[in-house]
Amino acid sequence: EGAGDHHICFAKSSDGGRTWTPPTILAGSERRSCRRFDATWQQPMLTTTGRLYCLWNTPYDSWVGEYGLYGFYSDDGGETWSTPRHVLKGLPKEFPKCWINWQRPIRLGLGGKFVSPSSYCDYVEYWQYENIDENPEIEDIRISIFAQGGNSLHGQRMAEKDVWLPKGAERASIEEGSVVRLPDGRLFMFCRSTT
């Protein structure tokens, strides 16, 4: 996990998954000895018009000297991809610099929008991708972050470490949420914690 060679691979199947093309590295470091522009926690999303997006977390971008949410898209089924760009304009001011989105985005949001739980080691929140089906440019993607206290990173979190702190434990964490829809329409989320 700390090797510095995180990358995103892509392969295609044209026969229902029986055979696959060789995987192609789309982003991130290609080998362990080359620490550059890691790509972790990829977020693939296929829009209603057929555009394929892939967003990812770069733990540290040596190009601009900061963490970031990056992405690109393909309009031809993954044959070619747009230039990787930094998602900038549509993020809340308090958007975190580093996170774990363990589960790929799934269409469980209002109106069928993509959502994904996101964690920051000691709390879990809920991202909703607001305009992916409008085929925005990467820098124009809008993401809302939700928690029990409303749409704010400063309010009450969806789940916080203090709720799960075992008696006598020195350190608590909660992360890597995974959400499903229950038969009655409610959403249910599992999280990994120190308990």
Foldseek 3Di string as FASTA:
>chain_A
DPLQFAFDWDWDDDPPPPDIDPIDTDFGHPDSVDRAQHWPQWAWDQAPLGKIKIKTWRLAHPVVGFTFIKIWIDNPNPPDIDDIDTQADQEPPPDDRDWHFQDHWFQLDVPRFTKTWIFDFFAIWMKTFDCVNVVDGRNDTHIFIAAPQGRDPPDDHNDGQVVVDDVPDPDKTKGHKDWDADPVGDIDIDIDMPD
